[in-house]
C-alpha atoms as a PDB file:
ATOM      1  CA  MET A   1      -4.145  25.100   5.200  1.00  0.00           C
ATOM      2  CA  ASN A   2      -7.308  27.112   4.791  1.00  0.00           C
ATOM      3  CA  THR A   3     -10.682  25.534   3.988  1.00  0.00           C
ATOM      4  CA  THR A   4     -10.281  25.948   0.221  1.00  0.00           C
ATOM      5  CA  GLU A   5      -6.880  24.248   0.296  1.00  0.00           C
ATOM      6  CA  ILE A   6      -8.261  21.416   2.426  1.00  0.00           C
ATOM      7  CA  ILE A   7     -11.183  20.799   0.038  1.00  0.00           C
ATOM      8  CA  ASP A   8      -8.982  21.035  -3.058  1.00  0.00           C
ATOM      9  CA  THR A   9      -6.464  18.606  -1.555  1.00  0.00           C
ATOM     10  CA  TYR A  10      -9.336  16.253  -0.727  1.00  0.00           C
ATOM     11  CA  CYS A  11     -10.447  16.433  -4.377  1.00  0.00           C
ATOM     12  CA  LEU A  12      -6.876  15.590  -5.434  1.00  0.00           C
ATOM     13  CA  ALA A  13      -7.146  12.425  -3.341  1.00  0.00           C
ATOM     14  CA  TRP A  14     -10.075  11.431  -5.585  1.00  0.00           C
ATOM     15  CA  SER A  15      -8.152  12.319  -8.749  1.00  0.00           C
ATOM     16  CA  ASP A  16      -4.494  11.328  -8.534  1.00  0.00           C
ATOM     17  CA  PRO A  17      -3.816   8.070 -10.411  1.00  0.00           C
ATOM     18  CA  ASP A  18      -0.780   7.304  -8.252  1.00  0.00           C
ATOM     19  CA  PRO A  19      -1.846   5.496  -5.042  1.00  0.00           C
ATOM     20  CA  VAL A  20       1.099   6.838  -3.030  1.00  0.00           C
ATOM     21  CA  ARG A  21       0.358  10.452  -3.924  1.00  0.00           C
ATOM     22  CA  ARG A  22      -3.375   9.820  -3.478  1.00  0.00           C
ATOM     23  CA  ALA A  23      -2.729   8.617   0.089  1.00  0.00           C
ATOM     24  CA  ARG A  24      -0.448  11.592   0.747  1.00  0.00           C
ATOM     25  CA  HIS A  25      -3.196  14.010  -0.362  1.00  0.00           C
ATOM     26  CA  LEU A  26      -5.863  12.338   1.767  1.00  0.00           C
ATOM     27  CA  ASN A  27      -3.696  11.916   4.854  1.00  0.00           C
ATOM     28  CA  ALA A  28      -2.836  15.627   4.725  1.00  0.00           C
ATOM     29  CA  VAL A  29      -6.497  16.580   5.251  1.00  0.00           C
ATOM     30  CA  TRP A  30      -8.297  13.547   6.746  1.00  0.00           C
ATOM     31  CA  SER A  31      -8.583  13.135  10.511  1.00  0.00           C
ATOM     32  CA  GLU A  32      -7.851   9.718  11.980  1.00  0.00           C
ATOM     33  CA  THR A  33     -11.498   8.833  12.603  1.00  0.00           C
ATOM     34  CA  ALA A  34     -13.075  10.764   9.718  1.00  0.00           C
ATOM     35  CA  ALA A  35     -16.095   9.278   7.970  1.00  0.00           C
ATOM     36  CA  TYR A  36     -17.258   9.456   4.356  1.00  0.00           C
ATOM     37  CA  THR A  37     -20.885   8.825   3.420  1.00  0.00           C
ATOM     38  CA  ASP A  38     -22.637   8.953   0.050  1.00  0.00           C
ATOM     39  CA  PRO A  39     -25.828   7.250  -1.180  1.00  0.00           C
ATOM     40  CA  GLY A  40     -23.978   3.977  -1.747  1.00  0.00           C
ATOM     41  CA  VAL A  41     -21.410   3.704   1.018  1.00  0.00           C
ATOM     42  CA  HIS A  42     -20.435   4.680   4.547  1.00  0.00           C
ATOM     43  CA  LEU A  43     -16.729   4.410   5.413  1.00  0.00           C
ATOM     44  CA  VAL A  44     -14.581   5.322   8.396  1.00  0.00           C
ATOM     45  CA  GLY A  45     -10.847   5.994   8.185  1.00  0.00           C
ATOM     46  CA  ALA A  46      -8.409   6.898   5.460  1.00  0.00           C
ATOM     47  CA  GLU A  47      -7.608   3.338   4.380  1.00  0.00           C
ATOM     48  CA  ALA A  48     -11.274   2.504   3.794  1.00  0.00           C
ATOM     49  CA  LEU A  49     -11.764   5.660   1.727  1.00  0.00           C
ATOM     50  CA  LEU A  50      -8.555   5.073  -0.240  1.00  0.00           C
ATOM     51  CA  ASP A  51      -9.717   1.531  -1.074  1.00  0.00           C
ATOM     52  CA  HIS A  52     -13.074   2.921  -2.219  1.00  0.00           C
ATOM     53  CA  VAL A  53     -11.426   5.575  -4.398  1.00  0.00           C
ATOM     54  CA  ALA A  54      -9.072   2.963  -5.902  1.00  0.00           C
ATOM     55  CA  GLY A  55     -12.072   0.846  -6.899  1.00  0.00           C
ATOM     56  CA  ILE A  56     -13.746   3.797  -8.569  1.00  0.00           C
ATOM     57  CA  MET A  57     -10.528   4.678 -10.394  1.00  0.00           C
ATOM     58  CA  GLU A  58     -10.265   1.101 -11.689  1.00  0.00           C
ATOM     59  CA  ARG A  59     -13.757   1.408 -13.170  1.00  0.00           C
ATOM     60  CA  ARG A  60     -13.125   4.906 -14.527  1.00  0.00           C
ATOM     61  CA  PRO A  61      -9.449   5.217 -15.481  1.00  0.00           C
ATOM     62  CA  GLY A  62      -8.299   8.771 -15.989  1.00  0.00           C
ATOM     63  CA  ALA A  63     -11.272  10.302 -14.193  1.00  0.00           C
ATOM     64  CA  ARG A  64     -10.754  13.181 -11.806  1.00  0.00           C
ATOM     65  CA  VAL A  65     -12.904  15.027  -9.318  1.00  0.00           C
ATOM     66  CA  LEU A  66     -12.996  18.799  -9.621  1.00  0.00           C
ATOM     67  CA  ARG A  67     -14.540  21.367  -7.339  1.00  0.00           C
ATOM     68  CA  THR A  68     -16.937  23.241  -9.622  1.00  0.00           C
ATOM     69  CA  GLY A  69     -17.750  26.346  -7.622  1.00  0.00           C
ATOM     70  CA  ALA A  70     -16.985  28.416  -4.606  1.00  0.00           C
ATOM     71  CA  ILE A  71     -16.973  26.857  -1.172  1.00  0.00           C
ATOM     72  CA  ALA A  72     -19.660  28.034   1.227  1.00  0.00           C
ATOM     73  CA  ALA A  73     -18.465  27.717   4.807  1.00  0.00           C
ATOM     74  CA  HIS A  74     -19.415  28.763   8.299  1.00  0.00           C
ATOM     75  CA  HIS A  75     -18.375  27.552  11.716  1.00  0.00           C
ATOM     76  CA  ASP A  76     -16.853  24.113  11.096  1.00  0.00           C
ATOM     77  CA  VAL A  77     -18.961  23.159   8.052  1.00  0.00           C
ATOM     78  CA  ALA A  78     -18.208  23.597   4.352  1.00  0.00           C
ATOM     79  CA  MET A  79     -20.332  22.883   1.291  1.00  0.00           C
ATOM     80  CA  PHE A  80     -18.969  22.508  -2.220  1.00  0.00           C
ATOM     81  CA  ARG A  81     -20.124  21.286  -5.615  1.00  0.00           C
ATOM     82  CA  TRP A  82     -17.986  18.843  -7.576  1.00  0.00           C
ATOM     83  CA  ALA A  83     -17.940  16.907 -10.823  1.00  0.00           C
ATOM     84  CA  ALA A  84     -16.268  13.623 -11.770  1.00  0.00           C
ATOM     85  CA  ILE A  85     -14.854  14.188 -15.246  1.00  0.00           C
ATOM     86  CA  GLY A  86     -13.495  11.543 -17.601  1.00  0.00           C
ATOM     87  CA  PRO A  87     -10.220  11.823 -19.515  1.00  0.00           C
ATOM     88  CA  GLU A  88     -12.042  13.202 -22.589  1.00  0.00           C
ATOM     89  CA  GLY A  89     -14.004  15.718 -20.565  1.00  0.00           C
ATOM     90  CA  GLN A  90     -17.160  13.623 -20.267  1.00  0.00           C
ATOM     91  CA  LEU A  91     -19.218  14.070 -17.126  1.00  0.00           C
ATOM     92  CA  PHE A  92     -19.512  10.861 -15.102  1.00  0.00           C
ATOM     93  CA  ARG A  93     -21.295  12.279 -12.093  1.00  0.00           C
ATOM     94  CA  SER A  94     -21.745  15.518 -10.196  1.00  0.00           C
ATOM     95  CA  GLY A  95     -23.022  16.468  -6.801  1.00  0.00           C
ATOM     96  CA  VAL A  96     -22.574  18.403  -3.620  1.00  0.00           C
ATOM     97  CA  ASP A  97     -20.605  17.510  -0.500  1.00  0.00           C
ATOM     98  CA  PHE A  98     -20.982  18.781   3.030  1.00  0.00           C
ATOM     99  CA  ALA A  99     -17.777  18.584   5.040  1.00  0.00           C
ATOM    100  CA  THR A 100     -17.205  19.025   8.749  1.00  0.00           C
ATOM    101  CA  LEU A 101     -13.783  20.165   9.893  1.00  0.00           C
ATOM    102  CA  ASN A 102     -12.123  19.052  13.109  1.00  0.00           C
ATOM    103  CA  GLN A 103     -11.906  21.363  16.123  1.00  0.00           C
ATOM    104  CA  GLU A 104      -8.580  22.809  14.937  1.00  0.00           C
ATOM    105  CA  GLY A 105     -10.023  23.481  11.480  1.00  0.00           C
ATOM    106  CA  ASP A 106      -7.122  21.804   9.683  1.00  0.00           C
ATOM    107  CA  ARG A 107      -8.595  18.385   8.782  1.00  0.00           C
ATOM    108  CA  LEU A 108     -11.844  16.860   7.623  1.00  0.00           C
ATOM    109  CA  ASP A 109     -13.843  14.922  10.215  1.00  0.00           C
ATOM    110  CA  ARG A 110     -16.792  13.984   8.019  1.00  0.00           C
ATOM    111  CA  VAL A 111     -17.839  14.276   4.399  1.00  0.00           C
ATOM    112  CA  ILE A 112     -21.410  13.594   3.314  1.00  0.00           C
ATOM    113  CA  GLY A 113     -21.944  13.478  -0.433  1.00  0.00           C
ATOM    114  CA  PHE A 114     -25.081  13.791  -2.522  1.00  0.00           C
ATOM    115  CA  PHE A 115     -25.253  12.938  -6.227  1.00  0.00           C
ATOM    116  CA  ASP A 116     -27.153  15.088  -8.689  1.00  0.00           C
ATOM    117  CA  PRO A 117     -30.024  13.288 -10.427  1.00  0.00           C
ATOM    118  CA  ALA A 118     -28.849  11.529 -13.582  1.00  0.00           C
END
């Protein structure tokens, strides 16, 4: 997978309503010790992130996370903008994520998210 495919698969893990497929998406791109951090949470490991995503999906059924622009990347770091969109197209939240890839460049080691001001 190239960086764009990794990021888009990661976004699918935030969007798929089926927990089995959601786990499959995340496990395809998440390293074993990867960490996720945003203003409200810091998590390590796929299971912790999957639990977090499930909680968000319970509060916002039908929402999906979409990459909203090109990915800027150099060395082992990628930056991308995203938006969480409701089932009727309403914007729940948007922001920017910075992702670090593992040494092989085929999995995410860390994602740090920032939310746009409301």
